[in-house]
Amino acid sequence: MTDPTTGSLRVHGATLHYEVRGQGPLLLLIPGGTGGAASFDGIADDLADRYTVATYDPRGLSRSTLDDPEADQHVAEHADDALRILDLLSPDRPARVFGASSGAIVALHLLITRPDRVERLVAHEPPVVEVLPDAHEHRALLARVQETFRSEGLMPAMGVFAAGLTAGAPSEPPTAAETAAETAAKREVEVELPPQAAARAERTMAGLPYFVGRIVPSFMSYAPDVRRLEALSDRLVLACGEDSRGELPYRPAAFLAEQLGTGLVHFPGGHTGLTTHPAAFTHRLAEVLRA
């Protein structure tokens, strides 16, 4: 793995940690969950032979610090952070953008509000549940998660959340409270690892309370402007994991693809396919970005 060039960028209310590899037109990777820039370590090098690959830790997570640690979080502000990175690294040319999960929600808002800065967007399983006909059921799920978090703590809340995300999937829902990436991070903490890998895993786990308490309720309440997306559909690719069919994160992207008439692109693995199937995921992403 090639060591990236790292930097810090001051934005409104936060300082962002970002990383850059490679050369060529800019490709911005916006992470979801709590993994931050490190969640792309398995794919960034393979994309850096054709792109300048940039990623970052979203505000409040990992190495990106908040001026006010208790500040509420909003999709629009996170999208503005992504815009500031685009302006820094590609001021004169629009960029290709990939967003995963909550990062895909940020990317959708970036496309809607600043289409002049986005040449092509691949949004992988953005959980914009407000677009679904049964959105009221998912609001109730989010309320249960927050109540459980307040009354019982983090891991019980994660259990409620995980069960809700996998409800309706063809296989039995997992009983573990973490996603595949979070489970892997926890295992890394429990065994001896090189200092850099151990620190990365600890940052991933440390971000869970912030993610569950402030990112999940805000981001999953976000309703994108579907009419605006329709007008921009020529540069939008909605994507899902092959193994995610029937799960909640799959459904909004599939619904939007049908509404917009764009078709749905499938990637290897499930919601965390970039972690579980990095080589195949990278190959598919490179194909979609070139199309």
C-alpha atoms as a PDB file:
ATOM      1  CA  MET A   1       0.000   0.000   0.000  1.00  0.00           C
ATOM      2  CA  THR A   2       1.350   3.417  -0.983  1.00  0.00           C
ATOM      3  CA  ASP A   3       1.524   6.008   1.759  1.00  0.00           C
ATOM      4  CA  PRO A   4      -0.753   8.906   0.788  1.00  0.00           C
ATOM      5  CA  THR A   5       0.053  12.580   1.035  1.00  0.00           C
ATOM      6  CA  THR A   6      -1.935  13.912   3.984  1.00  0.00           C
ATOM      7  CA  GLY A   7      -3.204  17.355   4.859  1.00  0.00           C
ATOM      8  CA  SER A   8      -5.547  19.354   7.074  1.00  0.00           C
ATOM      9  CA  LEU A   9      -8.247  21.695   5.842  1.00  0.00           C
ATOM     10  CA  ARG A  10     -10.047  24.252   7.979  1.00  0.00           C
ATOM     11  CA  VAL A  11     -13.782  24.381   7.272  1.00  0.00           C
ATOM     12  CA  HIS A  12     -16.677  25.947   9.151  1.00  0.00           C
ATOM     13  CA  GLY A  13     -16.679  24.447  12.647  1.00  0.00           C
ATOM     14  CA  ALA A  14     -14.127  21.712  11.979  1.00  0.00           C
ATOM     15  CA  THR A  15     -10.685  20.693  10.761  1.00  0.00           C
ATOM     16  CA  LEU A  16     -10.686  17.920   8.151  1.00  0.00           C
ATOM     17  CA  HIS A  17      -7.996  15.294   7.706  1.00  0.00           C
ATOM     18  CA  TYR A  18      -7.634  14.359   4.016  1.00  0.00           C
ATOM     19  CA  GLU A  19      -5.421  12.042   1.974  1.00  0.00           C
ATOM     20  CA  VAL A  20      -4.321  12.122  -1.683  1.00  0.00           C
ATOM     21  CA  ARG A  21      -2.769   9.452  -3.925  1.00  0.00           C
ATOM     22  CA  GLY A  22      -1.959   9.108  -7.607  1.00  0.00           C
ATOM     23  CA  GLN A  23      -2.288  11.448 -10.557  1.00  0.00           C
ATOM     24  CA  GLY A  24      -4.843  12.350 -13.193  1.00  0.00           C
ATOM     25  CA  PRO A  25      -8.375  13.760 -12.868  1.00  0.00           C
ATOM     26  CA  LEU A  26      -9.696  13.999  -9.330  1.00  0.00           C
ATOM     27  CA  LEU A  27     -11.737  11.156  -7.849  1.00  0.00           C
ATOM     28  CA  LEU A  28     -13.190  12.006  -4.439  1.00  0.00           C
ATOM     29  CA  LEU A  29     -14.149   9.041  -2.251  1.00  0.00           C
ATOM     30  CA  ILE A  30     -16.627   9.954   0.513  1.00  0.00           C
ATOM     31  CA  PRO A  31     -16.729   7.338   3.287  1.00  0.00           C
ATOM     32  CA  GLY A  32     -19.731   6.095   5.213  1.00  0.00           C
ATOM     33  CA  GLY A  33     -19.952   4.675   8.720  1.00  0.00           C
ATOM     34  CA  THR A  34     -17.055   5.340  11.066  1.00  0.00           C
ATOM     35  CA  GLY A  35     -14.110   4.070   9.022  1.00  0.00           C
ATOM     36  CA  GLY A  36     -13.159   7.443   7.543  1.00  0.00           C
ATOM     37  CA  ALA A  37     -10.453   7.677   4.903  1.00  0.00           C
ATOM     38  CA  ALA A  38      -9.007   4.355   6.080  1.00  0.00           C
ATOM     39  CA  SER A  39     -12.083   2.496   4.817  1.00  0.00           C
ATOM     40  CA  PHE A  40     -10.757   3.079   1.280  1.00  0.00           C
ATOM     41  CA  ASP A  41      -7.247   1.742   1.943  1.00  0.00           C
ATOM     42  CA  GLY A  42      -8.134  -1.501   0.141  1.00  0.00           C
ATOM     43  CA  ILE A  43      -9.154   0.201  -3.108  1.00  0.00           C
ATOM     44  CA  ALA A  44      -7.467   3.623  -3.304  1.00  0.00           C
ATOM     45  CA  ASP A  45      -4.062   2.418  -4.537  1.00  0.00           C
ATOM     46  CA  ASP A  46      -5.586   0.445  -7.403  1.00  0.00           C
ATOM     47  CA  LEU A  47      -7.484   3.545  -8.576  1.00  0.00           C
ATOM     48  CA  ALA A  48      -4.499   5.859  -8.215  1.00  0.00           C
ATOM     49  CA  ASP A  49      -2.905   4.717 -11.476  1.00  0.00           C
ATOM     50  CA  ARG A  50      -5.608   6.608 -13.410  1.00  0.00           C
ATOM     51  CA  TYR A  51      -6.946   9.204 -10.931  1.00  0.00           C
ATOM     52  CA  THR A  52      -5.815  11.586  -8.261  1.00  0.00           C
ATOM     53  CA  VAL A  53      -7.661   9.786  -5.481  1.00  0.00           C
ATOM     54  CA  ALA A  54      -8.710  11.898  -2.495  1.00  0.00           C
ATOM     55  CA  THR A  55     -10.569  10.870   0.591  1.00  0.00           C
ATOM     56  CA  TYR A  56     -11.017  12.237   4.089  1.00  0.00           C
ATOM     57  CA  ASP A  57     -12.377  11.645   7.572  1.00  0.00           C
ATOM     58  CA  PRO A  58     -15.813  13.280   7.852  1.00  0.00           C
ATOM     59  CA  ARG A  59     -16.091  15.983  10.478  1.00  0.00           C
ATOM     60  CA  GLY A  60     -16.241  14.595  14.012  1.00  0.00           C
ATOM     61  CA  LEU A  61     -14.849  11.191  13.023  1.00  0.00           C
ATOM     62  CA  SER A  62     -11.353   9.771  13.355  1.00  0.00           C
ATOM     63  CA  ARG A  63      -8.799  12.549  12.708  1.00  0.00           C
ATOM     64  CA  SER A  64     -11.265  15.283  11.663  1.00  0.00           C
ATOM     65  CA  THR A  65     -12.053  17.313  14.750  1.00  0.00           C
ATOM     66  CA  LEU A  66     -15.040  19.494  15.621  1.00  0.00           C
ATOM     67  CA  ASP A  67     -14.609  22.906  17.201  1.00  0.00           C
ATOM     68  CA  ASP A  68     -17.688  22.066  19.290  1.00  0.00           C
ATOM     69  CA  PRO A  69     -17.746  18.314  20.051  1.00  0.00           C
ATOM     70  CA  GLU A  70     -21.465  18.528  20.884  1.00  0.00           C
ATOM     71  CA  ALA A  71     -22.496  20.252  17.645  1.00  0.00           C
ATOM     72  CA  ASP A  72     -25.483  18.850  15.739  1.00  0.00           C
ATOM     73  CA  GLN A  73     -24.660  17.344  12.364  1.00  0.00           C
ATOM     74  CA  HIS A  74     -26.334  18.149   9.054  1.00  0.00           C
ATOM     75  CA  VAL A  75     -26.055  16.653   5.578  1.00  0.00           C
ATOM     76  CA  ALA A  76     -25.710  20.105   3.997  1.00  0.00           C
ATOM     77  CA  GLU A  77     -22.692  20.980   6.136  1.00  0.00           C
ATOM     78  CA  HIS A  78     -21.008  17.655   5.399  1.00  0.00           C
ATOM     79  CA  ALA A  79     -21.641  18.215   1.677  1.00  0.00           C
ATOM     80  CA  ASP A  80     -20.040  21.637   1.966  1.00  0.00           C
ATOM     81  CA  ASP A  81     -16.981  19.945   3.487  1.00  0.00           C
ATOM     82  CA  ALA A  82     -16.750  17.724   0.395  1.00  0.00           C
ATOM     83  CA  LEU A  83     -17.086  20.800  -1.792  1.00  0.00           C
ATOM     84  CA  ARG A  84     -14.215  22.523   0.029  1.00  0.00           C
ATOM     85  CA  ILE A  85     -11.984  19.528  -0.683  1.00  0.00           C
ATOM     86  CA  LEU A  86     -12.980  19.611  -4.355  1.00  0.00           C
ATOM     87  CA  ASP A  87     -12.209  23.327  -4.485  1.00  0.00           C
ATOM     88  CA  LEU A  88      -8.825  22.723  -2.880  1.00  0.00           C
ATOM     89  CA  LEU A  89      -7.710  19.821  -5.061  1.00  0.00           C
ATOM     90  CA  SER A  90      -9.509  20.495  -8.363  1.00  0.00           C
ATOM     91  CA  PRO A  91     -10.453  24.180  -8.435  1.00  0.00           C
ATOM     92  CA  ASP A  92     -10.801  24.460 -12.207  1.00  0.00           C
ATOM     93  CA  ARG A  93     -12.377  21.150 -13.162  1.00  0.00           C
ATOM     94  CA  PRO A  94     -15.376  19.105 -11.942  1.00  0.00           C
ATOM     95  CA  ALA A  95     -14.521  15.787 -10.302  1.00  0.00           C
ATOM     96  CA  ARG A  96     -15.724  12.233 -10.260  1.00  0.00           C
ATOM     97  CA  VAL A  97     -17.215  11.310  -6.882  1.00  0.00           C
ATOM     98  CA  PHE A  98     -17.966   8.020  -5.150  1.00  0.00           C
ATOM     99  CA  GLY A  99     -19.958   7.904  -1.924  1.00  0.00           C
ATOM    100  CA  ALA A 100     -20.733   4.902   0.273  1.00  0.00           C
ATOM    101  CA  SER A 101     -23.726   4.662   2.628  1.00  0.00           C
ATOM    102  CA  SER A 102     -23.946   7.892   4.660  1.00  0.00           C
ATOM    103  CA  GLY A 103     -21.191   9.240   2.413  1.00  0.00           C
ATOM    104  CA  ALA A 104     -23.470   8.584  -0.564  1.00  0.00           C
ATOM    105  CA  ILE A 105     -26.118  10.784   1.074  1.00  0.00           C
ATOM    106  CA  VAL A 106     -23.521  13.554   1.320  1.00  0.00           C
ATOM    107  CA  ALA A 107     -22.601  12.997  -2.322  1.00  0.00           C
ATOM    108  CA  LEU A 108     -26.240  13.223  -3.462  1.00  0.00           C
ATOM    109  CA  HIS A 109     -26.620  16.572  -1.733  1.00  0.00           C
ATOM    110  CA  LEU A 110     -23.355  17.767  -3.286  1.00  0.00           C
ATOM    111  CA  LEU A 111     -24.656  16.839  -6.744  1.00  0.00           C
ATOM    112  CA  ILE A 112     -28.016  18.516  -6.123  1.00  0.00           C
ATOM    113  CA  THR A 113     -26.561  21.772  -4.841  1.00  0.00           C
ATOM    114  CA  ARG A 114     -23.334  22.044  -6.875  1.00  0.00           C
ATOM    115  CA  PRO A 115     -23.718  20.039 -10.081  1.00  0.00           C
ATOM    116  CA  ASP A 116     -21.084  22.236 -11.706  1.00  0.00           C
ATOM    117  CA  ARG A 117     -18.462  20.566  -9.480  1.00  0.00           C
ATOM    118  CA  VAL A 118     -19.483  16.933 -10.117  1.00  0.00           C
ATOM    119  CA  GLU A 119     -18.723  15.252 -13.439  1.00  0.00           C
ATOM    120  CA  ARG A 120     -20.044  11.834 -12.416  1.00  0.00           C
ATOM    121  CA  LEU A 121     -21.361  10.444  -9.131  1.00  0.00           C
ATOM    122  CA  VAL A 122     -21.560   6.814  -8.080  1.00  0.00           C
ATOM    123  CA  ALA A 123     -23.800   6.581  -4.988  1.00  0.00           C
ATOM    124  CA  HIS A 124     -23.549   3.158  -3.329  1.00  0.00           C
ATOM    125  CA  GLU A 125     -26.562   2.321  -1.137  1.00  0.00           C
ATOM    126  CA  PRO A 126     -27.425   5.787   0.214  1.00  0.00           C
ATOM    127  CA  PRO A 127     -29.975   5.060   2.987  1.00  0.00           C
ATOM    128  CA  VAL A 128     -32.302   7.925   2.030  1.00  0.00           C
ATOM    129  CA  VAL A 129     -35.307   6.102   3.466  1.00  0.00           C
ATOM    130  CA  GLU A 130     -37.518   9.199   3.210  1.00  0.00           C
ATOM    131  CA  VAL A 131     -38.006   8.484  -0.519  1.00  0.00           C
ATOM    132  CA  LEU A 132     -39.677   5.115   0.227  1.00  0.00           C
ATOM    133  CA  PRO A 133     -43.455   4.653   0.375  1.00  0.00           C
ATOM    134  CA  ASP A 134     -43.122   3.119   3.853  1.00  0.00           C
ATOM    135  CA  ALA A 135     -40.867   5.885   5.205  1.00  0.00           C
ATOM    136  CA  HIS A 136     -42.988   6.141   8.362  1.00  0.00           C
ATOM    137  CA  GLU A 137     -41.860   2.643   9.398  1.00  0.00           C
ATOM    138  CA  HIS A 138     -38.227   3.654   9.131  1.00  0.00           C
ATOM    139  CA  ARG A 139     -38.790   6.813  11.139  1.00  0.00           C
ATOM    140  CA  ALA A 140     -40.140   4.541  13.858  1.00  0.00           C
ATOM    141  CA  LEU A 141     -37.001   2.392  13.607  1.00  0.00           C
ATOM    142  CA  LEU A 142     -34.767   5.431  14.020  1.00  0.00           C
ATOM    143  CA  ALA A 143     -36.788   6.525  17.053  1.00  0.00           C
ATOM    144  CA  ARG A 144     -36.338   3.057  18.599  1.00  0.00           C
ATOM    145  CA  VAL A 145     -32.605   3.178  17.965  1.00  0.00           C
ATOM    146  CA  GLN A 146     -32.273   6.562  19.657  1.00  0.00           C
ATOM    147  CA  GLU A 147     -34.428   5.576  22.620  1.00  0.00           C
ATOM    148  CA  THR A 148     -32.409   2.383  23.082  1.00  0.00           C
ATOM    149  CA  PHE A 149     -29.188   4.365  22.833  1.00  0.00           C
ATOM    150  CA  ARG A 150     -30.352   6.746  25.555  1.00  0.00           C
ATOM    151  CA  SER A 151     -31.770   4.115  27.872  1.00  0.00           C
ATOM    152  CA  GLU A 152     -29.551   1.062  27.341  1.00  0.00           C
ATOM    153  CA  GLY A 153     -26.369   2.219  25.650  1.00  0.00           C
ATOM    154  CA  LEU A 154     -24.450   1.816  22.416  1.00  0.00           C
ATOM    155  CA  MET A 155     -24.374  -1.905  21.697  1.00  0.00           C
ATOM    156  CA  PRO A 156     -28.079  -2.559  22.366  1.00  0.00           C
ATOM    157  CA  ALA A 157     -28.855   0.377  20.076  1.00  0.00           C
ATOM    158  CA  MET A 158     -26.561  -1.092  17.419  1.00  0.00           C
ATOM    159  CA  GLY A 159     -28.441  -4.372  17.754  1.00  0.00           C
ATOM    160  CA  VAL A 160     -31.790  -2.654  17.116  1.00  0.00           C
ATOM    161  CA  PHE A 161     -30.286  -0.768  14.186  1.00  0.00           C
ATOM    162  CA  ALA A 162     -28.703  -3.868  12.603  1.00  0.00           C
ATOM    163  CA  ALA A 163     -31.936  -5.845  12.900  1.00  0.00           C
ATOM    164  CA  GLY A 164     -33.868  -3.020  11.240  1.00  0.00           C
ATOM    165  CA  LEU A 165     -31.382  -2.728   8.380  1.00  0.00           C
ATOM    166  CA  THR A 166     -31.571  -6.423   7.522  1.00  0.00           C
ATOM    167  CA  ALA A 167     -35.319  -6.906   8.023  1.00  0.00           C
ATOM    168  CA  GLY A 168     -36.870  -8.320   4.873  1.00  0.00           C
ATOM    169  CA  ALA A 169     -33.616  -9.746   3.515  1.00  0.00           C
ATOM    170  CA  PRO A 170     -33.854 -13.283   2.080  1.00  0.00           C
ATOM    171  CA  SER A 171     -31.415 -14.725   4.619  1.00  0.00           C
ATOM    172  CA  GLU A 172     -31.699 -14.700   8.390  1.00  0.00           C
ATOM    173  CA  PRO A 173     -30.605 -11.341   9.831  1.00  0.00           C
ATOM    174  CA  PRO A 174     -27.278 -11.357  11.654  1.00  0.00           C
ATOM    175  CA  THR A 175     -27.354 -11.266  15.421  1.00  0.00           C
ATOM    176  CA  ALA A 176     -24.123  -9.251  15.662  1.00  0.00           C
ATOM    177  CA  ALA A 177     -24.581  -5.577  16.367  1.00  0.00           C
ATOM    178  CA  GLU A 178     -21.744  -4.412  14.157  1.00  0.00           C
ATOM    179  CA  THR A 179     -21.417  -4.216  10.396  1.00  0.00           C
ATOM    180  CA  ALA A 180     -18.772  -6.352   8.727  1.00  0.00           C
ATOM    181  CA  ALA A 181     -16.312  -3.449   8.746  1.00  0.00           C
ATOM    182  CA  GLU A 182     -16.936  -2.651  12.400  1.00  0.00           C
ATOM    183  CA  THR A 183     -16.576  -6.313  13.396  1.00  0.00           C
ATOM    184  CA  ALA A 184     -13.266  -6.480  11.565  1.00  0.00           C
ATOM    185  CA  ALA A 185     -12.111  -3.336  13.340  1.00  0.00           C
ATOM    186  CA  LYS A 186     -13.054  -4.789  16.715  1.00  0.00           C
ATOM    187  CA  ARG A 187     -11.079  -7.942  15.980  1.00  0.00           C
ATOM    188  CA  GLU A 188      -8.086  -5.840  14.981  1.00  0.00           C
ATOM    189  CA  VAL A 189      -8.167  -4.124  18.358  1.00  0.00           C
ATOM    190  CA  GLU A 190      -8.265  -7.486  20.152  1.00  0.00           C
ATOM    191  CA  VAL A 191      -5.142  -8.932  18.485  1.00  0.00           C
ATOM    192  CA  GLU A 192      -1.619  -7.668  18.155  1.00  0.00           C
ATOM    193  CA  LEU A 193      -1.276  -5.417  15.134  1.00  0.00           C
ATOM    194  CA  PRO A 194       1.229  -2.922  13.822  1.00  0.00           C
ATOM    195  CA  PRO A 195       0.673   0.407  15.577  1.00  0.00           C
ATOM    196  CA  GLN A 196      -0.846   2.108  12.517  1.00  0.00           C
ATOM    197  CA  ALA A 197      -3.452  -0.632  11.969  1.00  0.00           C
ATOM    198  CA  ALA A 198      -4.319  -0.777  15.668  1.00  0.00           C
ATOM    199  CA  ALA A 199      -4.786   2.985  15.809  1.00  0.00           C
ATOM    200  CA  ARG A 200      -7.055   2.856  12.739  1.00  0.00           C
ATOM    201  CA  ALA A 201      -9.211   0.142  14.312  1.00  0.00           C
ATOM    202  CA  GLU A 202      -9.479   2.022  17.582  1.00  0.00           C
ATOM    203  CA  ARG A 203     -10.596   5.184  15.742  1.00  0.00           C
ATOM    204  CA  THR A 204     -13.282   3.198  13.949  1.00  0.00           C
ATOM    205  CA  MET A 205     -14.719   1.839  17.180  1.00  0.00           C
ATOM    206  CA  ALA A 206     -14.379   5.166  18.991  1.00  0.00           C
ATOM    207  CA  GLY A 207     -16.578   6.863  16.397  1.00  0.00           C
ATOM    208  CA  LEU A 208     -19.596   4.621  16.944  1.00  0.00           C
ATOM    209  CA  PRO A 209     -21.350   6.692  19.653  1.00  0.00           C
ATOM    210  CA  TYR A 210     -21.078   9.846  17.520  1.00  0.00           C
ATOM    211  CA  PHE A 211     -22.257   7.970  14.433  1.00  0.00           C
ATOM    212  CA  VAL A 212     -25.274   6.368  16.106  1.00  0.00           C
ATOM    213  CA  GLY A 213     -26.201   9.423  18.137  1.00  0.00           C
ATOM    214  CA  ARG A 214     -25.770  12.232  15.619  1.00  0.00           C
ATOM    215  CA  ILE A 215     -25.081  10.988  12.093  1.00  0.00           C
ATOM    216  CA  VAL A 216     -27.719   8.248  11.777  1.00  0.00           C
ATOM    217  CA  PRO A 217     -30.779  10.242  12.930  1.00  0.00           C
ATOM    218  CA  SER A 218     -29.862  13.330  10.920  1.00  0.00           C
ATOM    219  CA  PHE A 219     -28.736  11.656   7.701  1.00  0.00           C
ATOM    220  CA  MET A 220     -31.516   9.064   7.531  1.00  0.00           C
ATOM    221  CA  SER A 221     -34.073  11.861   7.952  1.00  0.00           C
ATOM    222  CA  TYR A 222     -32.695  13.589   4.860  1.00  0.00           C
ATOM    223  CA  ALA A 223     -35.024  13.739   1.842  1.00  0.00           C
ATOM    224  CA  PRO A 224     -33.239  14.468  -1.451  1.00  0.00           C
ATOM    225  CA  ASP A 225     -34.846  16.653  -4.099  1.00  0.00           C
ATOM    226  CA  VAL A 226     -35.949  13.897  -6.501  1.00  0.00           C
ATOM    227  CA  ARG A 227     -36.930  16.337  -9.242  1.00  0.00           C
ATOM    228  CA  ARG A 228     -33.476  17.860  -9.114  1.00  0.00           C
ATOM    229  CA  LEU A 229     -31.892  14.409  -9.266  1.00  0.00           C
ATOM    230  CA  GLU A 230     -34.013  13.601 -12.298  1.00  0.00           C
ATOM    231  CA  ALA A 231     -32.646  16.670 -14.064  1.00  0.00           C
ATOM    232  CA  LEU A 232     -29.105  15.513 -13.216  1.00  0.00           C
ATOM    233  CA  SER A 233     -29.627  11.792 -13.805  1.00  0.00           C
ATOM    234  CA  ASP A 234     -27.229  11.722 -16.777  1.00  0.00           C
ATOM    235  CA  ARG A 235     -24.321  12.029 -14.349  1.00  0.00           C
ATOM    236  CA  LEU A 236     -25.740   9.914 -11.491  1.00  0.00           C
ATOM    237  CA  VAL A 237     -25.117   6.188 -11.032  1.00  0.00           C
ATOM    238  CA  LEU A 238     -27.179   4.517  -8.313  1.00  0.00           C
ATOM    239  CA  ALA A 239     -25.490   1.370  -7.048  1.00  0.00           C
ATOM    240  CA  CYS A 240     -26.169  -1.498  -4.652  1.00  0.00           C
ATOM    241  CA  GLY A 241     -24.424  -4.633  -3.455  1.00  0.00           C
ATOM    242  CA  GLU A 242     -25.284  -7.957  -5.066  1.00  0.00           C
ATOM    243  CA  ASP A 243     -25.708  -9.466  -1.609  1.00  0.00           C
ATOM    244  CA  SER A 244     -27.836  -6.627  -0.188  1.00  0.00           C
ATOM    245  CA  ARG A 245     -31.091  -7.466  -1.947  1.00  0.00           C
ATOM    246  CA  GLY A 246     -34.030  -7.091   0.404  1.00  0.00           C
ATOM    247  CA  GLU A 247     -32.088  -5.127   3.022  1.00  0.00           C
ATOM    248  CA  LEU A 248     -33.073  -1.589   3.937  1.00  0.00           C
ATOM    249  CA  PRO A 249     -29.942   0.188   2.574  1.00  0.00           C
ATOM    250  CA  TYR A 250     -30.593  -1.432  -0.841  1.00  0.00           C
ATOM    251  CA  ARG A 251     -34.157  -0.247  -1.216  1.00  0.00           C
ATOM    252  CA  PRO A 252     -33.795   3.569  -1.560  1.00  0.00           C
ATOM    253  CA  ALA A 253     -31.231   3.323  -4.362  1.00  0.00           C
ATOM    254  CA  ALA A 254     -33.343   0.724  -6.171  1.00  0.00           C
ATOM    255  CA  PHE A 255     -36.463   2.873  -5.734  1.00  0.00           C
ATOM    256  CA  LEU A 256     -34.723   6.022  -6.987  1.00  0.00           C
ATOM    257  CA  ALA A 257     -33.223   4.192  -9.972  1.00  0.00           C
ATOM    258  CA  GLU A 258     -36.700   3.067 -10.987  1.00  0.00           C
ATOM    259  CA  GLN A 259     -38.191   6.524 -10.436  1.00  0.00           C
ATOM    260  CA  LEU A 260     -35.431   8.228 -12.423  1.00  0.00           C
ATOM    261  CA  GLY A 261     -35.259   5.566 -15.113  1.00  0.00           C
ATOM    262  CA  THR A 262     -31.487   5.230 -14.752  1.00  0.00           C
ATOM    263  CA  GLY A 263     -31.160   1.540 -14.003  1.00  0.00           C
ATOM    264  CA  LEU A 264     -29.433   0.108 -10.948  1.00  0.00           C
ATOM    265  CA  VAL A 265     -25.770  -0.942 -11.027  1.00  0.00           C
ATOM    266  CA  HIS A 266     -24.712  -3.863  -8.833  1.00  0.00           C
ATOM    267  CA  PHE A 267     -21.358  -4.173  -7.086  1.00  0.00           C
ATOM    268  CA  PRO A 268     -19.738  -7.256  -5.541  1.00  0.00           C
ATOM    269  CA  GLY A 269     -20.612  -8.005  -1.919  1.00  0.00           C
ATOM    270  CA  GLY A 270     -23.155  -6.286   0.247  1.00  0.00           C
ATOM    271  CA  HIS A 271     -23.383  -2.930   1.986  1.00  0.00           C
ATOM    272  CA  THR A 272     -19.684  -3.093   2.939  1.00  0.00           C
ATOM    273  CA  GLY A 273     -18.514  -4.650  -0.317  1.00  0.00           C
ATOM    274  CA  LEU A 274     -15.571  -2.291  -0.653  1.00  0.00           C
ATOM    275  CA  THR A 275     -14.189  -3.845   2.554  1.00  0.00           C
ATOM    276  CA  THR A 276     -15.151  -7.482   1.983  1.00  0.00           C
ATOM    277  CA  HIS A 277     -14.470  -7.655  -1.793  1.00  0.00           C
ATOM    278  CA  PRO A 278     -11.911  -4.879  -2.421  1.00  0.00           C
ATOM    279  CA  ALA A 279     -10.374  -6.136  -5.679  1.00  0.00           C
ATOM    280  CA  ALA A 280     -13.668  -6.941  -7.395  1.00  0.00           C
ATOM    281  CA  PHE A 281     -15.252  -3.765  -6.020  1.00  0.00           C
ATOM    282  CA  THR A 282     -12.408  -1.643  -7.393  1.00  0.00           C
ATOM    283  CA  HIS A 283     -12.692  -3.267 -10.814  1.00  0.00           C
ATOM    284  CA  ARG A 284     -16.429  -2.580 -10.947  1.00  0.00           C
ATOM    285  CA  LEU A 285     -16.010   1.007  -9.776  1.00  0.00           C
ATOM    286  CA  ALA A 286     -13.366   1.687 -12.410  1.00  0.00           C
ATOM    287  CA  GLU A 287     -15.744   0.329 -15.079  1.00  0.00           C
ATOM    288  CA  VAL A 288     -18.629   2.496 -13.909  1.00  0.00           C
ATOM    289  CA  LEU A 289     -16.514   5.640 -13.679  1.00  0.00           C
ATOM    290  CA  ARG A 290     -15.331   5.178 -17.266  1.00  0.00           C
ATOM    291  CA  ALA A 291     -18.820   4.536 -18.690  1.00  0.00           C
END
